[in-house]
Protein backbone atom coordinates (compact mmCIF):
# COMPACT_ATOMS: atom_id res chain seq x y z
CA MET A 1 71.78 -10.49 45.14
CA LYS A 2 70.73 -14.02 43.81
CA ILE A 3 70.53 -12.74 40.31
CA GLN A 4 74.30 -11.73 40.44
CA LYS A 5 75.62 -15.08 41.64
CA PRO A 6 76.10 -16.79 38.03
CA LYS A 7 78.07 -13.64 36.97
CA ILE A 8 80.25 -13.93 40.13
CA LYS A 9 80.90 -17.83 39.45
CA PHE A 10 81.65 -17.05 35.78
CA LYS A 11 84.13 -14.33 36.83
CA ARG A 12 85.84 -16.72 39.13
CA PHE A 13 86.10 -19.24 36.35
CA ILE A 14 87.66 -16.66 34.08
CA ASP A 15 90.18 -15.72 36.63
CA LYS A 16 91.11 -19.32 37.46
CA GLN A 17 91.74 -19.90 33.56
CA ARG A 18 93.85 -16.80 33.35
CA ASP A 19 95.88 -17.89 36.53
CA TYR A 20 96.28 -21.25 34.95
CA LEU A 21 97.58 -19.74 31.63
CA ASN A 22 100.12 -17.98 33.49
CA THR A 23 101.50 -21.25 35.11
CA ARG A 24 104.57 -23.10 33.88
CA ALA A 25 102.41 -26.25 32.93
CA ALA A 26 100.30 -24.14 30.59
CA ARG A 27 103.16 -22.58 28.92
CA ILE A 28 104.76 -26.10 28.34
CA GLY A 29 101.48 -27.35 27.08
CA GLY A 30 100.96 -24.41 24.63
CA TYR A 31 104.64 -24.89 23.49
CA SER A 32 104.00 -28.58 22.71
CA PHE A 33 100.73 -27.90 20.97
CA VAL A 34 102.40 -25.40 18.73
CA MET A 35 105.48 -27.69 17.94
CA SER A 36 102.96 -30.61 17.26
CA ILE A 37 101.18 -28.31 14.55
CA VAL A 38 104.64 -27.28 13.02
CA VAL A 39 105.88 -30.96 12.90
CA LEU A 40 102.53 -32.17 11.36
CA ALA A 41 102.86 -29.27 8.74
CA ILE A 42 106.41 -30.24 7.87
CA VAL A 43 105.46 -34.02 7.48
CA ILE A 44 102.54 -33.16 5.12
CA ALA A 45 104.94 -30.77 3.17
CA VAL A 46 107.47 -33.39 2.82
CA ASN A 47 105.03 -36.12 1.78
CA ILE A 48 103.62 -33.76 -0.92
CA PHE A 49 107.15 -32.95 -2.04
CA VAL A 50 108.12 -36.65 -2.26
CA SER A 51 105.10 -37.67 -4.09
CA SER A 52 105.83 -35.18 -6.76
CA LEU A 53 109.23 -36.72 -7.27
CA PRO A 54 109.92 -39.15 -10.26
CA THR A 55 109.60 -42.90 -9.28
CA LYS A 56 113.31 -43.47 -9.73
CA TYR A 57 114.00 -41.28 -6.65
CA THR A 58 111.35 -42.60 -4.38
CA GLN A 59 111.11 -46.42 -5.02
CA PHE A 60 114.11 -48.80 -4.54
CA ASP A 61 114.39 -52.08 -6.32
CA ILE A 62 115.32 -54.76 -3.67
CA SER A 63 114.23 -57.69 -5.79
CA ALA A 64 116.84 -60.40 -6.31
CA VAL A 65 117.04 -60.03 -10.15
CA LYS A 66 116.30 -56.31 -10.26
CA LEU A 67 113.00 -56.66 -11.89
CA TYR A 68 112.18 -53.02 -11.72
CA SER A 69 115.61 -51.69 -12.58
CA LEU A 70 116.42 -51.04 -16.23
CA THR A 71 119.85 -51.70 -17.73
CA SER A 72 122.20 -49.13 -19.12
CA SER A 73 121.07 -50.26 -22.68
CA SER A 74 117.34 -49.20 -21.88
CA LYS A 75 118.31 -45.97 -20.29
CA ALA A 76 120.40 -44.97 -23.46
CA VAL A 77 117.54 -45.88 -25.72
CA VAL A 78 115.03 -43.99 -23.65
CA SER A 79 117.20 -41.02 -22.90
CA ASN A 80 117.94 -40.41 -26.70
CA ILE A 81 114.29 -40.37 -27.63
CA GLU A 82 113.61 -37.27 -29.78
CA ASP A 83 109.98 -38.01 -30.92
CA ASP A 84 106.94 -38.38 -28.69
CA VAL A 85 106.27 -41.98 -27.53
CA THR A 86 103.21 -43.30 -25.82
CA ILE A 87 103.00 -46.65 -24.16
CA TYR A 88 99.28 -47.71 -23.95
CA TRP A 89 98.64 -50.19 -21.12
CA ILE A 90 95.63 -52.08 -21.82
CA CYS A 91 94.42 -53.04 -18.43
CA GLN A 92 91.05 -53.63 -16.62
CA SER A 93 90.57 -51.57 -13.40
CA GLY A 94 91.82 -53.57 -10.37
CA GLN A 95 93.63 -56.10 -12.53
CA GLU A 96 97.02 -54.37 -12.95
CA ASN A 97 100.10 -56.61 -12.87
CA ALA A 98 102.40 -55.12 -10.19
CA VAL A 99 105.51 -55.85 -12.03
CA ILE A 100 104.52 -54.25 -15.16
CA GLU A 101 103.24 -51.27 -13.31
CA LYS A 102 106.36 -50.46 -11.50
CA LEU A 103 108.43 -51.06 -14.63
CA LEU A 104 106.28 -48.60 -16.66
CA ASP A 105 106.70 -46.24 -13.91
CA VAL A 106 110.49 -46.29 -14.17
CA TYR A 107 110.18 -45.73 -18.03
CA ASP A 108 107.82 -42.88 -17.53
CA SER A 109 110.44 -41.12 -15.09
CA LEU A 110 113.15 -41.33 -17.52
CA SER A 111 112.11 -38.86 -20.43
CA ASP A 112 109.67 -36.19 -20.81
CA LYS A 113 109.21 -37.65 -24.40
CA LEU A 114 107.76 -40.88 -23.03
CA THR A 115 104.11 -41.09 -21.66
CA VAL A 116 102.29 -44.10 -20.07
CA VAL A 117 98.54 -44.01 -20.81
CA LYS A 118 96.23 -46.76 -19.13
CA LYS A 119 93.46 -47.84 -21.34
CA ASP A 120 90.72 -49.87 -19.75
CA PRO A 121 89.25 -52.22 -22.34
CA ASP A 122 85.83 -52.18 -20.67
CA THR A 123 85.70 -48.37 -21.45
CA TYR A 124 87.59 -48.45 -24.60
CA PRO A 125 86.65 -51.81 -26.17
CA THR A 126 87.80 -51.05 -29.81
CA PHE A 127 90.83 -49.14 -28.97
CA ALA A 128 93.35 -51.93 -29.53
CA LYS A 129 91.97 -52.68 -32.95
CA GLU A 130 93.44 -49.57 -34.25
CA TYR A 131 97.03 -50.98 -33.84
CA THR A 132 96.69 -54.87 -33.99
CA ASP A 133 94.56 -57.60 -35.20
CA GLU A 134 95.68 -59.90 -32.31
CA LYS A 135 93.53 -60.83 -29.40
CA VAL A 136 94.56 -58.44 -26.85
CA THR A 137 94.90 -59.70 -23.32
CA ASN A 138 94.78 -57.92 -19.97
CA ASN A 139 98.10 -56.11 -19.03
CA SER A 140 99.38 -56.08 -22.72
CA LEU A 141 101.20 -53.00 -24.08
CA ILE A 142 100.98 -51.01 -27.25
CA VAL A 143 104.05 -48.58 -28.07
CA VAL A 144 103.21 -45.83 -30.54
CA SER A 145 105.18 -43.04 -32.03
CA GLY A 146 103.77 -41.24 -35.05
CA ASP A 147 102.43 -43.77 -37.64
CA LYS A 148 104.51 -46.67 -36.18
CA SER A 149 103.53 -49.07 -33.38
CA ARG A 150 104.28 -52.36 -31.87
CA TYR A 151 101.96 -54.80 -29.83
CA ILE A 152 103.40 -56.47 -26.77
CA SER A 153 101.32 -59.28 -25.45
CA PHE A 154 101.30 -60.00 -21.56
CA GLU A 155 102.09 -63.69 -22.45
CA SER A 156 105.26 -62.72 -24.36
CA MET A 157 106.61 -60.84 -21.30
CA TYR A 158 106.27 -63.83 -19.02
CA LYS A 159 108.09 -67.10 -20.33
CA THR A 160 107.70 -70.59 -18.89
CA ASP A 161 110.37 -73.21 -19.79
CA ALA A 162 109.04 -76.60 -19.30
CA SER A 163 112.46 -78.34 -20.31
CA SER A 164 113.75 -77.83 -16.84
CA TYR A 165 111.39 -80.48 -15.47
CA TYR A 166 113.98 -82.84 -16.84
CA THR A 167 116.57 -81.60 -14.18
CA THR A 168 114.76 -79.77 -11.45
CA GLY A 169 111.13 -81.09 -11.41
CA SER A 170 109.60 -77.73 -12.00
CA ALA A 171 109.13 -75.25 -14.92
CA SER A 172 111.55 -72.33 -15.23
CA GLN A 173 110.10 -68.95 -15.32
CA SER A 174 111.49 -65.51 -16.66
CA PHE A 175 110.34 -61.95 -17.25
CA ASP A 176 111.35 -60.40 -20.64
CA GLY A 177 109.30 -57.27 -20.29
CA GLU A 178 112.39 -54.76 -20.43
CA SER A 179 113.93 -56.26 -23.45
CA LEU A 180 110.57 -56.12 -25.33
CA ILE A 181 109.47 -52.58 -24.12
CA THR A 182 112.89 -51.17 -24.98
CA THR A 183 113.11 -52.86 -28.47
CA ALA A 184 109.45 -51.68 -29.11
CA ILE A 185 110.57 -48.08 -28.26
CA ASP A 186 113.66 -48.45 -30.42
CA TYR A 187 111.54 -49.61 -33.34
CA VAL A 188 108.87 -47.10 -33.41
CA VAL A 189 111.41 -44.07 -33.19
CA SER A 190 113.94 -45.52 -35.76
CA ASP A 191 113.69 -44.08 -39.24
CA VAL A 192 115.85 -46.74 -40.70
CA LEU A 193 116.25 -50.26 -39.40
CA PRO A 194 119.03 -52.79 -40.26
CA GLN A 195 118.38 -55.03 -43.20
CA ALA A 196 119.04 -58.65 -43.20
CA TYR A 197 119.07 -60.29 -46.55
CA VAL A 198 118.02 -63.84 -46.45
CA LEU A 199 119.67 -66.04 -49.22
CA THR A 200 117.32 -68.14 -51.32
CA GLY A 201 117.54 -70.31 -54.28
CA HIS A 202 119.40 -73.25 -52.63
CA GLY A 203 116.57 -75.11 -50.84
CA GLU A 204 117.20 -73.00 -47.65
CA ALA A 205 115.11 -73.97 -44.76
CA ASP A 206 112.17 -71.77 -43.58
CA MET A 207 112.97 -69.57 -40.60
CA SER A 208 111.83 -71.01 -37.28
CA ASN A 209 109.52 -69.11 -34.92
CA THR A 210 112.78 -68.70 -32.81
CA MET A 211 114.80 -67.16 -35.46
CA LYS A 212 111.84 -64.76 -36.47
CA THR A 213 111.34 -63.59 -32.72
CA VAL A 214 114.99 -62.99 -32.57
CA LEU A 215 115.08 -60.84 -35.75
CA GLU A 216 112.01 -58.92 -34.64
CA LYS A 217 113.37 -58.47 -31.15
CA ALA A 218 116.56 -57.10 -32.75
CA ASN A 219 114.47 -54.70 -34.86
CA VAL A 220 115.98 -56.26 -38.02
CA GLU A 221 113.98 -56.16 -41.26
CA THR A 222 114.19 -59.21 -43.40
CA LYS A 223 114.20 -59.44 -47.17
CA GLU A 224 114.53 -62.60 -49.27
CA PHE A 225 117.01 -62.24 -52.16
CA SER A 226 118.78 -64.37 -54.77
CA LEU A 227 122.20 -64.09 -56.22
CA LEU A 228 121.26 -65.92 -59.36
CA ASN A 229 120.22 -62.76 -61.04
CA GLU A 230 122.59 -60.25 -59.14
CA ASP A 231 126.13 -59.09 -59.70
CA SER A 232 126.57 -57.87 -56.07
CA VAL A 233 124.92 -57.79 -52.79
CA PRO A 234 122.47 -54.94 -52.15
CA GLU A 235 124.13 -51.92 -50.77
CA ASP A 236 121.77 -51.62 -47.77
CA ALA A 237 122.44 -55.08 -46.71
CA ALA A 238 123.64 -55.03 -43.06
CA ILE A 239 123.75 -58.95 -42.80
CA ILE A 240 123.31 -61.79 -45.13
CA LEU A 241 121.68 -64.91 -43.42
CA VAL A 242 122.12 -68.36 -44.89
CA ASN A 243 119.69 -70.88 -43.12
CA SER A 244 120.44 -74.47 -43.73
CA PRO A 245 121.06 -74.72 -47.53
CA ALA A 246 120.29 -78.05 -49.23
CA LYS A 247 122.01 -77.17 -52.63
CA ASP A 248 125.40 -75.57 -53.43
CA LEU A 249 126.45 -72.08 -54.56
CA SER A 250 127.52 -71.45 -57.95
CA ASP A 251 131.13 -70.17 -58.59
CA LYS A 252 129.79 -66.85 -59.27
CA GLU A 253 127.68 -66.70 -56.15
CA LEU A 254 130.65 -67.63 -53.92
CA SER A 255 132.75 -64.96 -55.59
CA ILE A 256 130.10 -62.30 -54.81
CA LEU A 257 130.10 -63.33 -51.14
CA GLU A 258 133.59 -63.34 -50.70
CA SER A 259 133.86 -59.89 -52.25
CA TYR A 260 131.13 -58.81 -49.90
CA MET A 261 133.00 -59.98 -46.95
CA ASP A 262 136.26 -58.55 -48.03
CA ASN A 263 134.65 -55.14 -48.25
CA GLY A 264 133.03 -55.05 -44.75
CA GLY A 265 130.03 -57.40 -45.15
CA HIS A 266 128.64 -59.54 -42.27
CA ILE A 267 127.60 -63.02 -43.17
CA ILE A 268 125.94 -65.71 -40.75
CA VAL A 269 125.60 -69.26 -41.87
CA LEU A 270 123.76 -72.08 -40.22
CA SER A 271 124.94 -75.14 -41.94
CA GLY A 272 126.07 -78.51 -40.47
CA THR A 273 126.58 -82.04 -41.53
CA GLU A 274 125.85 -82.64 -45.27
CA ASN A 275 122.93 -84.93 -45.84
CA GLU A 276 122.77 -85.86 -49.57
CA ASN A 277 123.79 -83.06 -51.71
CA ASP A 278 127.46 -81.75 -51.98
CA LEU A 279 128.08 -78.19 -50.61
CA THR A 280 131.62 -77.57 -51.64
CA ASN A 281 131.43 -74.04 -52.64
CA PHE A 282 129.29 -73.13 -49.42
CA LYS A 283 132.16 -74.72 -47.44
CA GLY A 284 134.31 -72.58 -49.65
CA LEU A 285 133.49 -69.52 -47.53
CA LEU A 286 135.05 -71.40 -44.72
CA THR A 287 138.09 -72.27 -46.70
CA TYR A 288 138.38 -68.63 -47.72
CA VAL A 289 138.84 -67.52 -44.00
CA GLY A 290 141.18 -70.36 -43.15
CA VAL A 291 138.74 -73.03 -41.69
CA ALA A 292 137.77 -76.73 -42.81
CA MET A 293 134.64 -78.55 -42.13
CA THR A 294 135.18 -82.34 -41.22
CA ASP A 295 132.75 -84.85 -42.69
CA GLY A 296 130.14 -86.61 -40.44
CA ILE A 297 128.58 -85.96 -37.12
CA VAL A 298 130.29 -84.88 -33.89
CA ILE A 299 129.92 -87.40 -31.03
CA ASP A 300 131.28 -86.30 -27.67
CA THR A 301 131.75 -88.93 -24.99
CA ASN A 302 132.60 -86.53 -22.20
CA ARG A 303 129.47 -86.59 -20.05
CA ASP A 304 129.73 -82.88 -19.25
CA ASN A 305 129.60 -82.06 -22.88
CA TYR A 306 126.33 -83.64 -24.03
CA ALA A 307 122.69 -83.41 -22.91
CA PHE A 308 119.67 -85.92 -22.50
CA GLU A 309 121.88 -88.96 -22.82
CA TYR A 310 122.48 -88.43 -26.63
CA PRO A 311 126.09 -87.90 -27.29
CA TYR A 312 125.25 -85.81 -30.54
CA PHE A 313 123.05 -83.29 -28.46
CA LEU A 314 126.38 -81.39 -27.66
CA LEU A 315 126.95 -78.98 -24.80
CA PRO A 316 129.92 -77.12 -26.02
CA THR A 317 132.55 -75.18 -24.35
CA LEU A 318 132.17 -71.47 -24.75
CA GLY A 319 135.10 -69.72 -26.09
CA GLU A 320 136.24 -66.10 -25.29
CA SER A 321 134.75 -63.52 -27.78
CA ASP A 322 132.52 -60.60 -27.90
CA ILE A 323 129.64 -62.94 -29.03
CA THR A 324 129.98 -65.43 -26.20
CA ASN A 325 131.30 -63.40 -23.19
CA ALA A 326 127.85 -62.50 -21.93
CA LEU A 327 126.69 -66.23 -22.15
CA VAL A 328 129.71 -67.24 -20.15
CA GLU A 329 129.07 -64.74 -17.42
CA ASP A 330 125.45 -65.82 -17.10
CA ASN A 331 126.58 -69.71 -17.12
CA SER A 332 124.43 -70.21 -20.13
CA LYS A 333 124.64 -73.61 -21.76
CA VAL A 334 124.09 -73.67 -25.60
CA ILE A 335 122.82 -77.02 -27.04
CA MET A 336 124.36 -78.04 -30.45
CA PRO A 337 122.32 -80.92 -31.90
CA ILE A 338 123.75 -82.86 -34.97
CA ALA A 339 126.73 -80.75 -35.45
CA ALA A 340 129.70 -80.85 -37.89
CA GLY A 341 133.26 -80.33 -36.77
CA LEU A 342 135.31 -77.10 -37.81
CA THR A 343 138.97 -77.10 -37.62
CA ILE A 344 140.92 -73.70 -37.86
CA GLU A 345 143.77 -74.31 -40.30
CA ASN A 346 145.11 -70.81 -41.28
CA THR A 347 145.83 -68.74 -38.40
CA ALA A 348 147.90 -66.25 -40.29
CA GLY A 349 145.62 -65.39 -43.06
CA ALA A 350 143.65 -62.06 -43.63
CA TYR A 351 140.97 -63.16 -41.29
CA ASP A 352 141.21 -63.31 -37.55
CA VAL A 353 139.42 -66.58 -36.67
CA LYS A 354 138.13 -67.46 -33.20
CA SER A 355 136.37 -70.58 -31.89
CA LEU A 356 133.05 -69.71 -30.46
CA LEU A 357 131.80 -73.20 -29.40
CA SER A 358 133.93 -76.31 -29.24
CA SER A 359 133.62 -79.98 -28.22
CA SER A 360 135.81 -81.80 -25.78
CA SER A 361 139.14 -83.62 -26.36
CA ASP A 362 137.04 -86.93 -25.94
CA SER A 363 134.85 -86.02 -29.14
CA TYR A 364 135.22 -87.63 -32.67
CA SER A 365 133.37 -87.09 -35.86
CA LYS A 366 131.45 -90.10 -37.21
CA ALA A 367 132.30 -90.41 -40.89
CA ALA A 368 128.86 -92.20 -41.49
CA GLY A 369 127.13 -88.93 -40.78
CA TYR A 370 123.25 -89.41 -40.91
CA SER A 371 123.91 -93.08 -41.58
CA LEU A 372 125.59 -93.92 -38.53
CA SER A 373 124.41 -97.07 -36.68
CA THR A 374 126.45 -96.69 -33.55
CA TYR A 375 128.00 -94.08 -31.39
CA GLU A 376 131.20 -96.11 -30.79
CA LYS A 377 134.27 -94.88 -32.60
CA GLU A 378 134.92 -96.88 -35.66
CA ASP A 379 137.79 -96.95 -38.24
CA GLY A 380 137.58 -93.77 -40.55
CA ASP A 381 136.25 -91.52 -37.62
CA ILE A 382 138.14 -88.44 -37.01
CA ASN A 383 139.49 -87.41 -33.47
CA GLY A 384 138.49 -84.21 -31.89
CA PRO A 385 138.36 -81.64 -30.33
CA PHE A 386 136.34 -79.49 -32.89
CA SER A 387 135.08 -76.10 -33.19
CA LEU A 388 131.25 -76.15 -33.60
CA ALA A 389 130.94 -72.44 -34.41
CA ILE A 390 133.51 -69.97 -35.49
CA SER A 391 133.70 -66.14 -36.12
CA ALA A 392 136.16 -64.68 -38.66
CA GLU A 393 136.99 -60.98 -39.12
CA ASN A 394 139.21 -58.94 -41.47
CA SER A 395 140.95 -55.72 -41.24
CA SER A 396 137.86 -53.89 -42.94
CA GLU A 397 135.44 -55.41 -40.19
CA GLY A 398 134.15 -57.79 -42.88
CA SER A 399 133.12 -60.99 -41.06
CA LEU A 400 131.71 -64.46 -41.09
CA VAL A 401 129.89 -66.41 -38.46
CA TRP A 402 129.49 -70.11 -39.16
CA ILE A 403 127.27 -72.28 -36.95
CA ALA A 404 127.80 -75.86 -37.76
CA SER A 405 124.37 -77.19 -36.97
CA ASP A 406 121.14 -76.65 -38.88
CA TYR A 407 119.23 -77.15 -35.71
CA LEU A 408 120.50 -74.47 -33.49
CA LEU A 409 117.39 -72.33 -33.64
CA ASP A 410 114.94 -75.21 -33.75
CA ASP A 411 112.11 -74.07 -31.27
CA GLN A 412 112.36 -77.19 -29.30
CA TYR A 413 116.25 -77.32 -28.87
CA ASN A 414 116.10 -73.57 -28.01
CA SER A 415 113.49 -74.34 -25.22
CA TYR A 416 115.82 -77.02 -23.96
CA SER A 417 118.69 -74.63 -23.64
CA SER A 418 116.46 -72.14 -21.90
CA GLY A 419 116.88 -69.58 -24.58
CA ALA A 420 120.79 -69.78 -24.60
CA ASN A 421 120.57 -70.77 -28.26
CA SER A 422 118.68 -67.72 -29.44
CA ASP A 423 120.88 -65.45 -27.21
CA PHE A 424 123.90 -66.89 -28.91
CA PHE A 425 122.42 -66.25 -32.34
CA MET A 426 121.32 -62.66 -31.21
CA ASN A 427 124.87 -61.88 -30.08
CA ALA A 428 126.17 -63.14 -33.39
CA LEU A 429 123.62 -60.94 -34.98
CA SER A 430 124.53 -57.76 -33.05
CA TRP A 431 128.31 -58.28 -33.31
CA LYS A 432 128.31 -55.85 -36.21
CA MET A 433 125.45 -53.72 -34.89
CA ALA A 434 127.04 -51.96 -32.05
CA ASP A 435 124.57 -48.93 -32.23
CA ASN A 436 121.61 -51.18 -31.47
CA GLU A 437 121.76 -50.84 -27.67
CA SER A 438 118.64 -52.82 -27.07
CA LEU A 439 120.18 -56.15 -28.27
CA SER A 440 122.08 -56.64 -25.19
CA ILE A 441 118.92 -56.93 -22.78
CA ARG A 442 118.27 -60.37 -21.61
CA SER A 443 115.17 -61.81 -19.70
CA LYS A 444 115.28 -62.01 -15.90
CA SER A 445 114.82 -65.22 -14.05
CA LEU A 446 111.68 -65.44 -11.72
CA ASP A 447 112.82 -68.82 -10.20
CA TYR A 448 113.21 -69.02 -6.53
CA ASN A 449 116.54 -70.18 -4.90
CA TYR A 450 115.73 -72.44 -2.29
CA LEU A 451 117.90 -73.08 0.83
CA THR A 452 118.28 -76.81 1.36
CA ILE A 453 119.56 -78.04 4.63
CA SER A 454 120.00 -81.50 6.11
CA ALA A 455 117.35 -82.96 8.60
CA SER A 456 119.90 -82.88 11.45
CA ALA A 457 120.57 -79.13 10.78
CA ALA A 458 116.54 -78.52 10.68
CA THR A 459 116.27 -80.29 14.11
CA MET A 460 119.06 -78.17 15.64
CA ILE A 461 117.46 -75.05 14.29
CA LYS A 462 114.06 -75.92 15.83
CA ILE A 463 115.73 -76.69 19.16
CA ILE A 464 117.37 -73.33 19.28
CA MET A 465 114.37 -71.30 18.00
CA ILE A 466 111.57 -73.28 20.06
CA GLY A 467 113.69 -74.10 23.11
CA VAL A 468 116.88 -72.38 23.75
CA ILE A 469 115.91 -68.76 22.89
CA PRO A 470 112.70 -68.84 24.86
CA LEU A 471 114.30 -70.37 27.91
CA ILE A 472 117.02 -67.74 27.89
CA TYR A 473 114.31 -65.07 28.01
CA LEU A 474 112.48 -66.92 30.68
CA LEU A 475 115.61 -67.14 32.81
CA TYR A 476 116.41 -63.48 32.37
CA GLY A 477 112.91 -62.48 33.50
CA ILE A 478 113.08 -64.60 36.51
CA ASP A 479 116.52 -63.02 37.34
CA GLU A 480 114.98 -59.62 36.77
CA VAL A 481 112.05 -60.37 39.27
CA PHE A 482 114.45 -61.48 42.17
CA ARG A 483 116.79 -58.57 41.56
CA ARG A 484 114.01 -55.95 41.87
CA ARG A 485 112.49 -57.71 44.83
CA ARG A 486 115.83 -57.57 46.74
CA TYR A 487 116.18 -53.92 45.77
CA SER A 488 112.77 -53.07 47.30
CA LEU A 489 113.62 -54.97 50.48
CA GLU A 490 116.78 -53.13 50.96
């Protein structure tokens, strides 16, 4: 009988478990267990599904300046890609820049033709040399399609403008990654790029780094040419650039340029106050569209219209036009150093002329020009206001943009304007290139907007946060304790 006891006990245990399983508590517990398994399976399935979705559906850009969002221009460029494009991200493992990583994810999600590939320079030390001779830094990019490629350095995507030290005491920072990536994509997939013919033969100034950067960013190829041995402008010329000439045009050259404009050509001239040589025929282009240039240097005595305490470093008022509207919306300030004054004389001619930049009514032109010895107004000086840059367009869409300063695209002055000068020039360049979507993309500011409050307001906030709110919670807790105690006694 003793040998059978364990079997009897085990049987009783089984009976107890069977009885328990028939109870209400067991059924509820079993149901809860099954539902937990089902919910867990659903959560896992949802996570797997969401992780497979493109980044644009799963990540939301809540940054103040939309660092991780693309403009409609970028979306238009990427969505129209027909050839395969690869963006090589040169980056060491663990050193990824978060902004660039998220931005590349957005680009990768927009088109099946575009692929982002990470290349660790420790693993592939010679890879970048296939595409560029420059020193490739971490988090730089190489955009490739077929035989064409463009290198984008990490440093070029992050810009620091030290000129803001003069006004804010800190450097201004901006991120230009979207513009550089989109224009690089547009460059490598384009079979034919716009041709800008740079006029030579008149002592023209060399292009500044700012001008070169703008032209490259606009995907515009440049060619130097002279009209001295030509009877017409080359047929593939999208734009003619004239950069600070020192000598005048011949009558024949002037006639060629006028004919070019009449037949739909686009000319951009940067030329201001004459120094030593007479530029009568160059100024004849202005006369042809109904504009006259005033002798001398424009001085503006309105404190809102000049910078750095120099009344010839002009901060002009921006007019209303396709070239300036974006700058007005961004509240950008163009700096026009040592500018000549322009006056629109013929408003009923073949060309529709608009003032793009203008001085105030307190301005005047110093007839002494570069020989001026005082900023004070003297006899012979001409009263303003003046236009400092104009656009002229005819019925065949031929056009002239004249910027009455030789120094607009000087690297230093462009830095002082926080890039507004180069933006203005880019807008003038793209005015007749509406099919180039990437030109409208601007850099995004990384500057913080600080909340400044008075000392009294700060003290009041401290009293409320440290004293009043905790005291309210304490009084509420005491009241709750006494209320419950009275309830228990009753």
